[in-house]
């Protein structure tokens, strides 16, 4: 049985080379007071002896763990896959490790994940809040513990926080304009839960776009869903039961749209003939479907996440930098 070589210590390297441990330490860290020849000898011996730096000691000295945490409602959604890739790229360039947490839109689970990351002393947190999150006391607790938080996509409606989000109104305006230009008279909005700030943003944008186009605004044409499959199917039931049924629907996101489209087909409606959809988020697999929605509203999750990560690292390096609120304009993709 082969004996596994244990990583050497600085003292063992020093003993082999007959120099002081402090000289070895400086050489390993490329200190200018150590000559090039000595530095090369030390590094060569460290490699031969399987030396590995004591990360705990480094963390303690620098007061950093070189980890950031990312908390998302779902890790499986394509929308957040784009975000994760960009965050990983930014973190890798900073030589940071990324830890992931999935809230599944459960406030208790979200709170537990936050506590765990706080106890592990991550250097910062990137977060998209869950649709049921209402208690935001954790922001102040984390900040007072020296852990900066930057929000993106689903962000709290609070001032004096760092957040990156999409301006949902630009895409909504373009969506309503596109439907009106094609002769649709009744346009509905299938929206998310009232507790979610993004739902209110969509509603305000919808009402404004409808008013600007001189369209009738009826409260019954704004249907709320809890974003579950059952809730989405009920929303379609409500639409189907209307005496003046909407021929055009703008939906909260792609997963809501998938459920609505399935429910519409089950009721005998022909997609893009009897009923038309425009959806937020721009699901990448739409392009492979025979009858995709008429249009999609791109929210640029990758750009949001990259900017949020850049802001977070600025905060990690300097906690005194001013809070930033960045907005990317959404865009209709036909």
C-alpha atoms as a PDB file:
ATOM      1  CA  UNK A   1       0.000   0.000   0.000  1.00  0.00           C
ATOM      2  CA  UNK A   2       1.500   3.346  -1.090  1.00  0.00           C
ATOM      3  CA  UNK A   3       2.137   5.876   1.627  1.00  0.00           C
ATOM      4  CA  UNK A   4       0.389   9.174   0.963  1.00  0.00           C
ATOM      5  CA  UNK A   5       2.768  12.133   1.149  1.00  0.00           C
ATOM      6  CA  UNK A   6       1.535  14.618   3.709  1.00  0.00           C
ATOM      7  CA  UNK A   7       1.890  18.281   2.735  1.00  0.00           C
ATOM      8  CA  UNK A   8       5.084  19.759   4.094  1.00  0.00           C
ATOM      9  CA  UNK A   9       5.198  22.705   6.464  1.00  0.00           C
ATOM     10  CA  UNK A  10       7.218  25.905   6.149  1.00  0.00           C
ATOM     11  CA  UNK A  11       9.473  24.672   8.953  1.00  0.00           C
ATOM     12  CA  UNK A  12      10.247  21.460   7.067  1.00  0.00           C
ATOM     13  CA  UNK A  13      11.139  23.405   3.916  1.00  0.00           C
ATOM     14  CA  UNK A  14      13.363  25.701   5.982  1.00  0.00           C
ATOM     15  CA  UNK A  15      15.117  22.724   7.579  1.00  0.00           C
ATOM     16  CA  UNK A  16      15.791  21.132   4.177  1.00  0.00           C
ATOM     17  CA  UNK A  17      17.242  24.342   2.758  1.00  0.00           C
ATOM     18  CA  UNK A  18      18.955  25.369   6.033  1.00  0.00           C
ATOM     19  CA  UNK A  19      17.325  28.786   6.083  1.00  0.00           C
ATOM     20  CA  UNK A  20      14.883  30.430   8.483  1.00  0.00           C
ATOM     21  CA  UNK A  21      11.115  29.783   8.316  1.00  0.00           C
ATOM     22  CA  UNK A  22      10.534  33.537   7.915  1.00  0.00           C
ATOM     23  CA  UNK A  23      12.738  33.528   4.796  1.00  0.00           C
ATOM     24  CA  UNK A  24      10.730  30.617   3.384  1.00  0.00           C
ATOM     25  CA  UNK A  25       7.459  32.422   4.098  1.00  0.00           C
ATOM     26  CA  UNK A  26       8.658  35.616   2.397  1.00  0.00           C
ATOM     27  CA  UNK A  27       9.977  33.703  -0.605  1.00  0.00           C
ATOM     28  CA  UNK A  28       6.671  31.867  -1.068  1.00  0.00           C
ATOM     29  CA  UNK A  29       4.915  35.250  -1.076  1.00  0.00           C
ATOM     30  CA  UNK A  30       7.446  36.816  -3.522  1.00  0.00           C
ATOM     31  CA  UNK A  31       8.630  39.363  -0.982  1.00  0.00           C
ATOM     32  CA  UNK A  32      11.049  41.875  -2.605  1.00  0.00           C
ATOM     33  CA  UNK A  33      13.569  41.461   0.236  1.00  0.00           C
ATOM     34  CA  UNK A  34      14.284  37.868  -0.876  1.00  0.00           C
ATOM     35  CA  UNK A  35      16.585  37.328  -3.852  1.00  0.00           C
ATOM     36  CA  UNK A  36      15.415  35.590  -7.017  1.00  0.00           C
ATOM     37  CA  UNK A  37      17.696  32.565  -6.538  1.00  0.00           C
ATOM     38  CA  UNK A  38      16.473  31.938  -2.994  1.00  0.00           C
ATOM     39  CA  UNK A  39      12.857  32.374  -4.052  1.00  0.00           C
ATOM     40  CA  UNK A  40      13.270  29.834  -6.857  1.00  0.00           C
ATOM     41  CA  UNK A  41      15.001  27.335  -4.515  1.00  0.00           C
ATOM     42  CA  UNK A  42      12.208  27.671  -1.951  1.00  0.00           C
ATOM     43  CA  UNK A  43       9.430  27.237  -4.505  1.00  0.00           C
ATOM     44  CA  UNK A  44      11.143  24.227  -6.070  1.00  0.00           C
ATOM     45  CA  UNK A  45      11.540  22.545  -2.690  1.00  0.00           C
ATOM     46  CA  UNK A  46       7.932  23.415  -1.763  1.00  0.00           C
ATOM     47  CA  UNK A  47       6.738  21.676  -4.918  1.00  0.00           C
ATOM     48  CA  UNK A  48       8.897  18.611  -4.263  1.00  0.00           C
ATOM     49  CA  UNK A  49       7.611  18.315  -0.693  1.00  0.00           C
ATOM     50  CA  UNK A  50       3.959  18.802  -1.716  1.00  0.00           C
ATOM     51  CA  UNK A  51       3.628  22.034   0.253  1.00  0.00           C
ATOM     52  CA  UNK A  52       0.177  23.626   0.451  1.00  0.00           C
ATOM     53  CA  UNK A  53      -0.533  27.023   2.048  1.00  0.00           C
ATOM     54  CA  UNK A  54      -2.493  26.986   5.295  1.00  0.00           C
ATOM     55  CA  UNK A  55      -5.709  28.589   4.049  1.00  0.00           C
ATOM     56  CA  UNK A  56      -7.074  29.096   7.561  1.00  0.00           C
ATOM     57  CA  UNK A  57      -4.022  31.121   8.504  1.00  0.00           C
ATOM     58  CA  UNK A  58      -4.287  33.158   5.305  1.00  0.00           C
ATOM     59  CA  UNK A  59      -7.985  33.839   5.908  1.00  0.00           C
ATOM     60  CA  UNK A  60      -7.272  34.887   9.488  1.00  0.00           C
ATOM     61  CA  UNK A  61      -4.464  37.208   8.433  1.00  0.00           C
ATOM     62  CA  UNK A  62      -6.405  38.864   5.606  1.00  0.00           C
ATOM     63  CA  UNK A  63      -9.791  38.728   7.359  1.00  0.00           C
ATOM     64  CA  UNK A  64     -11.281  37.126   4.258  1.00  0.00           C
ATOM     65  CA  UNK A  65     -12.512  33.666   3.299  1.00  0.00           C
ATOM     66  CA  UNK A  66     -12.350  34.367  -0.455  1.00  0.00           C
ATOM     67  CA  UNK A  67     -15.867  33.007  -0.868  1.00  0.00           C
ATOM     68  CA  UNK A  68     -19.077  34.725  -1.908  1.00  0.00           C
ATOM     69  CA  UNK A  69     -22.582  33.297  -1.666  1.00  0.00           C
ATOM     70  CA  UNK A  70     -25.364  33.398  -4.228  1.00  0.00           C
ATOM     71  CA  UNK A  71     -28.977  32.850  -3.127  1.00  0.00           C
ATOM     72  CA  UNK A  72     -31.588  32.310  -5.836  1.00  0.00           C
ATOM     73  CA  UNK A  73     -35.210  31.143  -5.881  1.00  0.00           C
ATOM     74  CA  UNK A  74     -34.285  28.301  -8.260  1.00  0.00           C
ATOM     75  CA  UNK A  75     -31.029  26.985  -9.648  1.00  0.00           C
ATOM     76  CA  UNK A  76     -32.756  25.063 -12.437  1.00  0.00           C
ATOM     77  CA  UNK A  77     -34.357  28.001 -14.253  1.00  0.00           C
ATOM     78  CA  UNK A  78     -32.546  28.943 -17.486  1.00  0.00           C
ATOM     79  CA  UNK A  79     -32.892  32.598 -16.486  1.00  0.00           C
ATOM     80  CA  UNK A  80     -30.687  32.036 -13.444  1.00  0.00           C
ATOM     81  CA  UNK A  81     -28.313  29.719 -15.316  1.00  0.00           C
ATOM     82  CA  UNK A  82     -27.196  32.724 -17.372  1.00  0.00           C
ATOM     83  CA  UNK A  83     -26.769  34.680 -14.140  1.00  0.00           C
ATOM     84  CA  UNK A  84     -24.711  31.984 -12.414  1.00  0.00           C
ATOM     85  CA  UNK A  85     -22.312  31.702 -15.360  1.00  0.00           C
ATOM     86  CA  UNK A  86     -21.563  35.430 -15.292  1.00  0.00           C
ATOM     87  CA  UNK A  87     -21.143  35.476 -11.506  1.00  0.00           C
ATOM     88  CA  UNK A  88     -18.712  32.545 -11.716  1.00  0.00           C
ATOM     89  CA  UNK A  89     -16.693  34.380 -14.379  1.00  0.00           C
ATOM     90  CA  UNK A  90     -16.376  37.533 -12.269  1.00  0.00           C
ATOM     91  CA  UNK A  91     -15.562  35.563  -9.100  1.00  0.00           C
ATOM     92  CA  UNK A  92     -12.969  33.416 -10.857  1.00  0.00           C
ATOM     93  CA  UNK A  93     -11.156  36.525 -12.086  1.00  0.00           C
ATOM     94  CA  UNK A  94     -10.993  37.660  -8.437  1.00  0.00           C
ATOM     95  CA  UNK A  95      -9.794  34.171  -7.341  1.00  0.00           C
ATOM     96  CA  UNK A  96     -12.973  33.663  -5.322  1.00  0.00           C
ATOM     97  CA  UNK A  97     -15.073  30.558  -4.776  1.00  0.00           C
ATOM     98  CA  UNK A  98     -18.864  30.776  -5.216  1.00  0.00           C
ATOM     99  CA  UNK A  99     -21.262  29.009  -2.836  1.00  0.00           C
ATOM    100  CA  UNK A 100     -24.846  28.454  -3.958  1.00  0.00           C
ATOM    101  CA  UNK A 101     -28.126  28.453  -2.069  1.00  0.00           C
ATOM    102  CA  UNK A 102     -31.603  27.726  -3.420  1.00  0.00           C
ATOM    103  CA  UNK A 103     -34.545  29.219  -1.521  1.00  0.00           C
ATOM    104  CA  UNK A 104     -37.307  27.586  -3.589  1.00  0.00           C
ATOM    105  CA  UNK A 105     -39.341  30.712  -2.735  1.00  0.00           C
ATOM    106  CA  UNK A 106     -39.589  29.507   0.884  1.00  0.00           C
ATOM    107  CA  UNK A 107     -38.896  32.384   3.340  1.00  0.00           C
ATOM    108  CA  UNK A 108     -37.890  30.008   6.171  1.00  0.00           C
ATOM    109  CA  UNK A 109     -35.480  28.142   3.926  1.00  0.00           C
ATOM    110  CA  UNK A 110     -34.116  31.447   2.637  1.00  0.00           C
ATOM    111  CA  UNK A 111     -33.531  32.654   6.203  1.00  0.00           C
ATOM    112  CA  UNK A 112     -31.712  29.432   7.131  1.00  0.00           C
ATOM    113  CA  UNK A 113     -29.450  29.691   4.077  1.00  0.00           C
ATOM    114  CA  UNK A 114     -28.601  33.284   5.017  1.00  0.00           C
ATOM    115  CA  UNK A 115     -27.729  32.221   8.578  1.00  0.00           C
ATOM    116  CA  UNK A 116     -25.519  29.410   7.294  1.00  0.00           C
ATOM    117  CA  UNK A 117     -23.594  31.688   4.950  1.00  0.00           C
ATOM    118  CA  UNK A 118     -23.254  34.303   7.697  1.00  0.00           C
ATOM    119  CA  UNK A 119     -21.846  31.695  10.092  1.00  0.00           C
ATOM    120  CA  UNK A 120     -19.394  30.565   7.400  1.00  0.00           C
ATOM    121  CA  UNK A 121     -18.223  34.162   7.131  1.00  0.00           C
ATOM    122  CA  UNK A 122     -18.621  34.552   3.388  1.00  0.00           C
ATOM    123  CA  UNK A 123     -17.172  37.846   2.175  1.00  0.00           C
ATOM    124  CA  UNK A 124     -20.369  38.931   0.448  1.00  0.00           C
ATOM    125  CA  UNK A 125     -23.764  37.791  -0.811  1.00  0.00           C
ATOM    126  CA  UNK A 126     -25.553  38.131  -4.156  1.00  0.00           C
ATOM    127  CA  UNK A 127     -29.267  37.553  -3.904  1.00  0.00           C
ATOM    128  CA  UNK A 128     -32.529  37.429  -5.816  1.00  0.00           C
ATOM    129  CA  UNK A 129     -35.300  37.338  -3.218  1.00  0.00           C
ATOM    130  CA  UNK A 130     -38.089  34.768  -3.244  1.00  0.00           C
ATOM    131  CA  UNK A 131     -41.624  35.656  -4.241  1.00  0.00           C
ATOM    132  CA  UNK A 132     -42.896  35.229  -0.638  1.00  0.00           C
ATOM    133  CA  UNK A 133     -40.102  37.163   1.088  1.00  0.00           C
ATOM    134  CA  UNK A 134     -41.436  40.054   3.158  1.00  0.00           C
ATOM    135  CA  UNK A 135     -39.082  40.215   6.167  1.00  0.00           C
ATOM    136  CA  UNK A 136     -35.973  42.138   5.133  1.00  0.00           C
ATOM    137  CA  UNK A 137     -34.350  42.576   8.552  1.00  0.00           C
ATOM    138  CA  UNK A 138     -31.522  40.294   7.440  1.00  0.00           C
ATOM    139  CA  UNK A 139     -30.059  43.097   5.277  1.00  0.00           C
ATOM    140  CA  UNK A 140     -29.127  45.239   8.258  1.00  0.00           C
ATOM    141  CA  UNK A 141     -27.906  42.220  10.253  1.00  0.00           C
ATOM    142  CA  UNK A 142     -25.555  41.152   7.483  1.00  0.00           C
ATOM    143  CA  UNK A 143     -24.269  44.664   6.830  1.00  0.00           C
ATOM    144  CA  UNK A 144     -23.598  45.176  10.551  1.00  0.00           C
ATOM    145  CA  UNK A 145     -21.603  41.927  10.484  1.00  0.00           C
ATOM    146  CA  UNK A 146     -19.458  43.276   7.677  1.00  0.00           C
ATOM    147  CA  UNK A 147     -21.065  41.143   4.957  1.00  0.00           C
ATOM    148  CA  UNK A 148     -22.232  43.281   2.011  1.00  0.00           C
ATOM    149  CA  UNK A 149     -25.334  42.231   0.066  1.00  0.00           C
ATOM    150  CA  UNK A 150     -26.126  43.090  -3.545  1.00  0.00           C
ATOM    151  CA  UNK A 151     -29.532  42.214  -5.002  1.00  0.00           C
ATOM    152  CA  UNK A 152     -30.387  41.549  -8.625  1.00  0.00           C
ATOM    153  CA  UNK A 153     -33.476  40.684 -10.680  1.00  0.00           C
ATOM    154  CA  UNK A 154     -36.043  40.264  -7.866  1.00  0.00           C
ATOM    155  CA  UNK A 155     -34.976  43.097  -5.586  1.00  0.00           C
ATOM    156  CA  UNK A 156     -36.503  44.719  -2.472  1.00  0.00           C
ATOM    157  CA  UNK A 157     -38.317  48.025  -2.886  1.00  0.00           C
ATOM    158  CA  UNK A 158     -35.977  49.792  -0.489  1.00  0.00           C
ATOM    159  CA  UNK A 159     -33.691  52.815  -0.803  1.00  0.00           C
ATOM    160  CA  UNK A 160     -30.058  52.769   0.290  1.00  0.00           C
ATOM    161  CA  UNK A 161     -29.307  49.238  -0.860  1.00  0.00           C
ATOM    162  CA  UNK A 162     -27.196  47.922  -3.720  1.00  0.00           C
ATOM    163  CA  UNK A 163     -29.331  46.448  -6.471  1.00  0.00           C
ATOM    164  CA  UNK A 164     -29.348  45.694 -10.176  1.00  0.00           C
ATOM    165  CA  UNK A 165     -32.624  45.149 -11.962  1.00  0.00           C
ATOM    166  CA  UNK A 166     -34.422  45.300 -15.266  1.00  0.00           C
ATOM    167  CA  UNK A 167     -36.701  48.189 -16.200  1.00  0.00           C
ATOM    168  CA  UNK A 168     -39.772  46.110 -16.996  1.00  0.00           C
ATOM    169  CA  UNK A 169     -41.710  49.065 -18.415  1.00  0.00           C
ATOM    170  CA  UNK A 170     -39.732  49.366 -21.668  1.00  0.00           C
ATOM    171  CA  UNK A 171     -40.454  45.775 -22.668  1.00  0.00           C
ATOM    172  CA  UNK A 172     -44.077  46.092 -21.544  1.00  0.00           C
ATOM    173  CA  UNK A 173     -44.558  49.218 -23.647  1.00  0.00           C
ATOM    174  CA  UNK A 174     -43.155  47.447 -26.691  1.00  0.00           C
ATOM    175  CA  UNK A 175     -45.342  44.376 -26.019  1.00  0.00           C
ATOM    176  CA  UNK A 176     -48.587  46.355 -25.763  1.00  0.00           C
ATOM    177  CA  UNK A 177     -47.613  48.413 -28.830  1.00  0.00           C
ATOM    178  CA  UNK A 178     -46.976  45.201 -30.789  1.00  0.00           C
ATOM    179  CA  UNK A 179     -50.378  43.753 -29.871  1.00  0.00           C
ATOM    180  CA  UNK A 180     -52.218  47.000 -30.624  1.00  0.00           C
ATOM    181  CA  UNK A 181     -50.445  47.297 -33.983  1.00  0.00           C
ATOM    182  CA  UNK A 182     -51.759  43.839 -34.874  1.00  0.00           C
ATOM    183  CA  UNK A 183     -55.336  44.785 -34.112  1.00  0.00           C
ATOM    184  CA  UNK A 184     -55.858  43.194 -30.677  1.00  0.00           C
ATOM    185  CA  UNK A 185     -58.622  44.949 -28.728  1.00  0.00           C
ATOM    186  CA  UNK A 186     -58.527  43.021 -25.429  1.00  0.00           C
ATOM    187  CA  UNK A 187     -55.080  42.512 -23.890  1.00  0.00           C
ATOM    188  CA  UNK A 188     -54.717  40.739 -20.545  1.00  0.00           C
ATOM    189  CA  UNK A 189     -51.895  40.578 -18.022  1.00  0.00           C
ATOM    190  CA  UNK A 190     -51.303  37.338 -16.125  1.00  0.00           C
ATOM    191  CA  UNK A 191     -49.266  38.652 -13.221  1.00  0.00           C
ATOM    192  CA  UNK A 192     -47.425  37.212 -10.230  1.00  0.00           C
ATOM    193  CA  UNK A 193     -48.280  37.502  -6.511  1.00  0.00           C
ATOM    194  CA  UNK A 194     -49.010  40.971  -5.123  1.00  0.00           C
ATOM    195  CA  UNK A 195     -46.278  40.498  -2.506  1.00  0.00           C
ATOM    196  CA  UNK A 196     -43.613  40.444  -5.211  1.00  0.00           C
ATOM    197  CA  UNK A 197     -42.273  43.901  -6.172  1.00  0.00           C
ATOM    198  CA  UNK A 198     -41.766  42.664  -9.740  1.00  0.00           C
ATOM    199  CA  UNK A 199     -45.510  41.998  -9.974  1.00  0.00           C
ATOM    200  CA  UNK A 200     -46.326  45.585  -9.049  1.00  0.00           C
ATOM    201  CA  UNK A 201     -43.746  46.819 -11.568  1.00  0.00           C
ATOM    202  CA  UNK A 202     -45.414  44.786 -14.328  1.00  0.00           C
ATOM    203  CA  UNK A 203     -48.889  45.997 -13.372  1.00  0.00           C
ATOM    204  CA  UNK A 204     -47.899  49.670 -13.313  1.00  0.00           C
ATOM    205  CA  UNK A 205     -46.141  49.297 -16.669  1.00  0.00           C
ATOM    206  CA  UNK A 206     -49.143  47.483 -18.181  1.00  0.00           C
ATOM    207  CA  UNK A 207     -51.627  50.135 -17.033  1.00  0.00           C
ATOM    208  CA  UNK A 208     -49.417  52.919 -18.335  1.00  0.00           C
ATOM    209  CA  UNK A 209     -48.918  51.255 -21.734  1.00  0.00           C
ATOM    210  CA  UNK A 210     -52.633  50.514 -22.110  1.00  0.00           C
ATOM    211  CA  UNK A 211     -53.574  54.090 -21.219  1.00  0.00           C
ATOM    212  CA  UNK A 212     -51.002  55.514 -23.626  1.00  0.00           C
ATOM    213  CA  UNK A 213     -52.522  53.410 -26.424  1.00  0.00           C
ATOM    214  CA  UNK A 214     -56.064  54.510 -25.553  1.00  0.00           C
ATOM    215  CA  UNK A 215     -57.108  50.957 -24.672  1.00  0.00           C
ATOM    216  CA  UNK A 216     -59.912  50.064 -22.268  1.00  0.00           C
ATOM    217  CA  UNK A 217     -58.533  49.089 -18.861  1.00  0.00           C
ATOM    218  CA  UNK A 218     -60.581  46.468 -17.013  1.00  0.00           C
ATOM    219  CA  UNK A 219     -59.512  45.106 -13.631  1.00  0.00           C
ATOM    220  CA  UNK A 220     -60.733  41.628 -14.628  1.00  0.00           C
ATOM    221  CA  UNK A 221     -58.083  41.566 -17.375  1.00  0.00           C
ATOM    222  CA  UNK A 222     -55.326  41.606 -14.745  1.00  0.00           C
ATOM    223  CA  UNK A 223     -55.232  38.040 -13.425  1.00  0.00           C
ATOM    224  CA  UNK A 224     -53.013  37.085 -10.508  1.00  0.00           C
ATOM    225  CA  UNK A 225     -51.300  33.701 -10.146  1.00  0.00           C
ATOM    226  CA  UNK A 226     -49.103  32.295  -7.391  1.00  0.00           C
ATOM    227  CA  UNK A 227     -46.812  31.072 -10.214  1.00  0.00           C
ATOM    228  CA  UNK A 228     -47.588  27.399  -9.525  1.00  0.00           C
ATOM    229  CA  UNK A 229     -48.864  25.175 -12.339  1.00  0.00           C
ATOM    230  CA  UNK A 230     -52.245  24.987 -10.612  1.00  0.00           C
ATOM    231  CA  UNK A 231     -52.391  28.762 -10.202  1.00  0.00           C
ATOM    232  CA  UNK A 232     -51.469  29.292 -13.848  1.00  0.00           C
ATOM    233  CA  UNK A 233     -54.160  26.851 -15.010  1.00  0.00           C
ATOM    234  CA  UNK A 234     -56.736  28.688 -12.889  1.00  0.00           C
ATOM    235  CA  UNK A 235     -55.660  31.945 -14.522  1.00  0.00           C
ATOM    236  CA  UNK A 236     -56.348  30.410 -17.935  1.00  0.00           C
ATOM    237  CA  UNK A 237     -59.732  29.167 -16.688  1.00  0.00           C
ATOM    238  CA  UNK A 238     -60.591  32.760 -15.703  1.00  0.00           C
ATOM    239  CA  UNK A 239     -59.591  34.049 -19.119  1.00  0.00           C
ATOM    240  CA  UNK A 240     -61.525  31.341 -20.956  1.00  0.00           C
ATOM    241  CA  UNK A 241     -64.668  32.089 -18.941  1.00  0.00           C
ATOM    242  CA  UNK A 242     -64.740  35.789 -19.855  1.00  0.00           C
ATOM    243  CA  UNK A 243     -67.579  36.917 -22.118  1.00  0.00           C
ATOM    244  CA  UNK A 244     -65.144  39.181 -23.965  1.00  0.00           C
ATOM    245  CA  UNK A 245     -62.141  36.908 -23.952  1.00  0.00           C
ATOM    246  CA  UNK A 246     -58.679  38.485 -24.407  1.00  0.00           C
ATOM    247  CA  UNK A 247     -56.973  37.523 -27.657  1.00  0.00           C
ATOM    248  CA  UNK A 248     -53.579  38.696 -26.413  1.00  0.00           C
ATOM    249  CA  UNK A 249     -51.834  37.898 -23.113  1.00  0.00           C
ATOM    250  CA  UNK A 250     -48.682  39.272 -21.526  1.00  0.00           C
ATOM    251  CA  UNK A 251     -47.506  36.837 -18.863  1.00  0.00           C
ATOM    252  CA  UNK A 252     -45.270  37.133 -15.820  1.00  0.00           C
ATOM    253  CA  UNK A 253     -42.542  34.801 -17.103  1.00  0.00           C
ATOM    254  CA  UNK A 254     -41.831  31.919 -19.453  1.00  0.00           C
ATOM    255  CA  UNK A 255     -42.897  29.171 -17.052  1.00  0.00           C
ATOM    256  CA  UNK A 256     -46.270  30.826 -16.552  1.00  0.00           C
ATOM    257  CA  UNK A 257     -46.546  31.089 -20.332  1.00  0.00           C
ATOM    258  CA  UNK A 258     -45.796  27.389 -20.816  1.00  0.00           C
ATOM    259  CA  UNK A 259     -48.642  26.473 -18.469  1.00  0.00           C
ATOM    260  CA  UNK A 260     -51.012  28.994 -20.073  1.00  0.00           C
ATOM    261  CA  UNK A 261     -50.224  27.732 -23.562  1.00  0.00           C
ATOM    262  CA  UNK A 262     -50.811  24.129 -22.518  1.00  0.00           C
ATOM    263  CA  UNK A 263     -54.114  25.066 -20.870  1.00  0.00           C
ATOM    264  CA  UNK A 264     -55.178  27.019 -23.958  1.00  0.00           C
ATOM    265  CA  UNK A 265     -54.475  24.048 -26.215  1.00  0.00           C
ATOM    266  CA  UNK A 266     -56.444  21.773 -23.873  1.00  0.00           C
ATOM    267  CA  UNK A 267     -59.407  24.110 -24.306  1.00  0.00           C
ATOM    268  CA  UNK A 268     -59.187  23.814 -28.088  1.00  0.00           C
ATOM    269  CA  UNK A 269     -57.593  27.187 -28.759  1.00  0.00           C
ATOM    270  CA  UNK A 270     -55.040  27.439 -31.569  1.00  0.00           C
ATOM    271  CA  UNK A 271     -51.870  29.247 -30.502  1.00  0.00           C
ATOM    272  CA  UNK A 272     -50.918  32.290 -32.566  1.00  0.00           C
ATOM    273  CA  UNK A 273     -54.320  32.174 -34.196  1.00  0.00           C
ATOM    274  CA  UNK A 274     -57.038  32.196 -31.514  1.00  0.00           C
ATOM    275  CA  UNK A 275     -54.768  33.488 -28.767  1.00  0.00           C
ATOM    276  CA  UNK A 276     -51.348  35.155 -28.696  1.00  0.00           C
ATOM    277  CA  UNK A 277     -48.735  35.406 -25.945  1.00  0.00           C
ATOM    278  CA  UNK A 278     -45.804  37.642 -25.070  1.00  0.00           C
ATOM    279  CA  UNK A 279     -43.737  36.485 -22.138  1.00  0.00           C
ATOM    280  CA  UNK A 280     -41.124  37.982 -19.851  1.00  0.00           C
ATOM    281  CA  UNK A 281     -37.676  36.294 -19.573  1.00  0.00           C
ATOM    282  CA  UNK A 282     -36.929  34.918 -23.090  1.00  0.00           C
ATOM    283  CA  UNK A 283     -36.675  31.150 -22.460  1.00  0.00           C
ATOM    284  CA  UNK A 284     -33.833  29.879 -24.733  1.00  0.00           C
ATOM    285  CA  UNK A 285     -35.748  26.777 -25.843  1.00  0.00           C
ATOM    286  CA  UNK A 286     -38.558  28.793 -27.432  1.00  0.00           C
ATOM    287  CA  UNK A 287     -36.616  28.760 -30.686  1.00  0.00           C
ATOM    288  CA  UNK A 288     -36.997  24.965 -30.912  1.00  0.00           C
ATOM    289  CA  UNK A 289     -40.763  24.951 -30.384  1.00  0.00           C
ATOM    290  CA  UNK A 290     -43.240  24.734 -33.246  1.00  0.00           C
ATOM    291  CA  UNK A 291     -45.569  27.385 -31.753  1.00  0.00           C
ATOM    292  CA  UNK A 292     -43.576  29.679 -29.460  1.00  0.00           C
ATOM    293  CA  UNK A 293     -45.060  32.894 -28.045  1.00  0.00           C
ATOM    294  CA  UNK A 294     -45.423  35.783 -30.475  1.00  0.00           C
ATOM    295  CA  UNK A 295     -42.702  37.621 -28.570  1.00  0.00           C
ATOM    296  CA  UNK A 296     -40.489  37.533 -25.490  1.00  0.00           C
ATOM    297  CA  UNK A 297     -39.310  40.332 -23.239  1.00  0.00           C
ATOM    298  CA  UNK A 298     -35.574  40.038 -22.643  1.00  0.00           C
ATOM    299  CA  UNK A 299     -34.454  41.045 -19.130  1.00  0.00           C
ATOM    300  CA  UNK A 300     -30.717  40.397 -19.606  1.00  0.00           C
ATOM    301  CA  UNK A 301     -30.060  38.171 -16.558  1.00  0.00           C
ATOM    302  CA  UNK A 302     -26.394  37.706 -17.455  1.00  0.00           C
ATOM    303  CA  UNK A 303     -25.748  41.447 -17.626  1.00  0.00           C
ATOM    304  CA  UNK A 304     -27.648  42.003 -14.377  1.00  0.00           C
ATOM    305  CA  UNK A 305     -25.679  39.314 -12.544  1.00  0.00           C
ATOM    306  CA  UNK A 306     -22.290  40.424 -13.870  1.00  0.00           C
ATOM    307  CA  UNK A 307     -22.891  44.027 -12.790  1.00  0.00           C
ATOM    308  CA  UNK A 308     -24.167  42.885  -9.378  1.00  0.00           C
ATOM    309  CA  UNK A 309     -21.038  40.770  -8.889  1.00  0.00           C
ATOM    310  CA  UNK A 310     -18.791  43.672  -9.872  1.00  0.00           C
ATOM    311  CA  UNK A 311     -20.547  45.925  -7.358  1.00  0.00           C
ATOM    312  CA  UNK A 312     -20.201  43.251  -4.664  1.00  0.00           C
ATOM    313  CA  UNK A 313     -16.433  42.991  -5.139  1.00  0.00           C
ATOM    314  CA  UNK A 314     -16.170  46.776  -5.012  1.00  0.00           C
ATOM    315  CA  UNK A 315     -17.983  46.620  -1.661  1.00  0.00           C
ATOM    316  CA  UNK A 316     -15.752  43.811  -0.402  1.00  0.00           C
ATOM    317  CA  UNK A 317     -12.650  45.869  -1.164  1.00  0.00           C
ATOM    318  CA  UNK A 318     -14.086  49.145   0.121  1.00  0.00           C
ATOM    319  CA  UNK A 319     -17.160  49.184   2.347  1.00  0.00           C
ATOM    320  CA  UNK A 320     -17.373  52.983   2.088  1.00  0.00           C
ATOM    321  CA  UNK A 321     -18.274  53.102  -1.608  1.00  0.00           C
ATOM    322  CA  UNK A 322     -21.670  54.647  -2.332  1.00  0.00           C
ATOM    323  CA  UNK A 323     -24.714  52.417  -2.814  1.00  0.00           C
ATOM    324  CA  UNK A 324     -25.527  51.726  -6.440  1.00  0.00           C
ATOM    325  CA  UNK A 325     -28.877  51.127  -8.129  1.00  0.00           C
ATOM    326  CA  UNK A 326     -28.386  49.984 -11.713  1.00  0.00           C
ATOM    327  CA  UNK A 327     -31.220  49.500 -14.204  1.00  0.00           C
ATOM    328  CA  UNK A 328     -31.075  47.687 -17.548  1.00  0.00           C
ATOM    329  CA  UNK A 329     -33.915  48.370 -19.978  1.00  0.00           C
ATOM    330  CA  UNK A 330     -35.918  45.291 -20.978  1.00  0.00           C
ATOM    331  CA  UNK A 331     -36.527  44.727 -24.681  1.00  0.00           C
ATOM    332  CA  UNK A 332     -39.147  42.942 -26.764  1.00  0.00           C
ATOM    333  CA  UNK A 333     -37.776  40.156 -28.969  1.00  0.00           C
ATOM    334  CA  UNK A 334     -40.149  39.101 -31.739  1.00  0.00           C
END
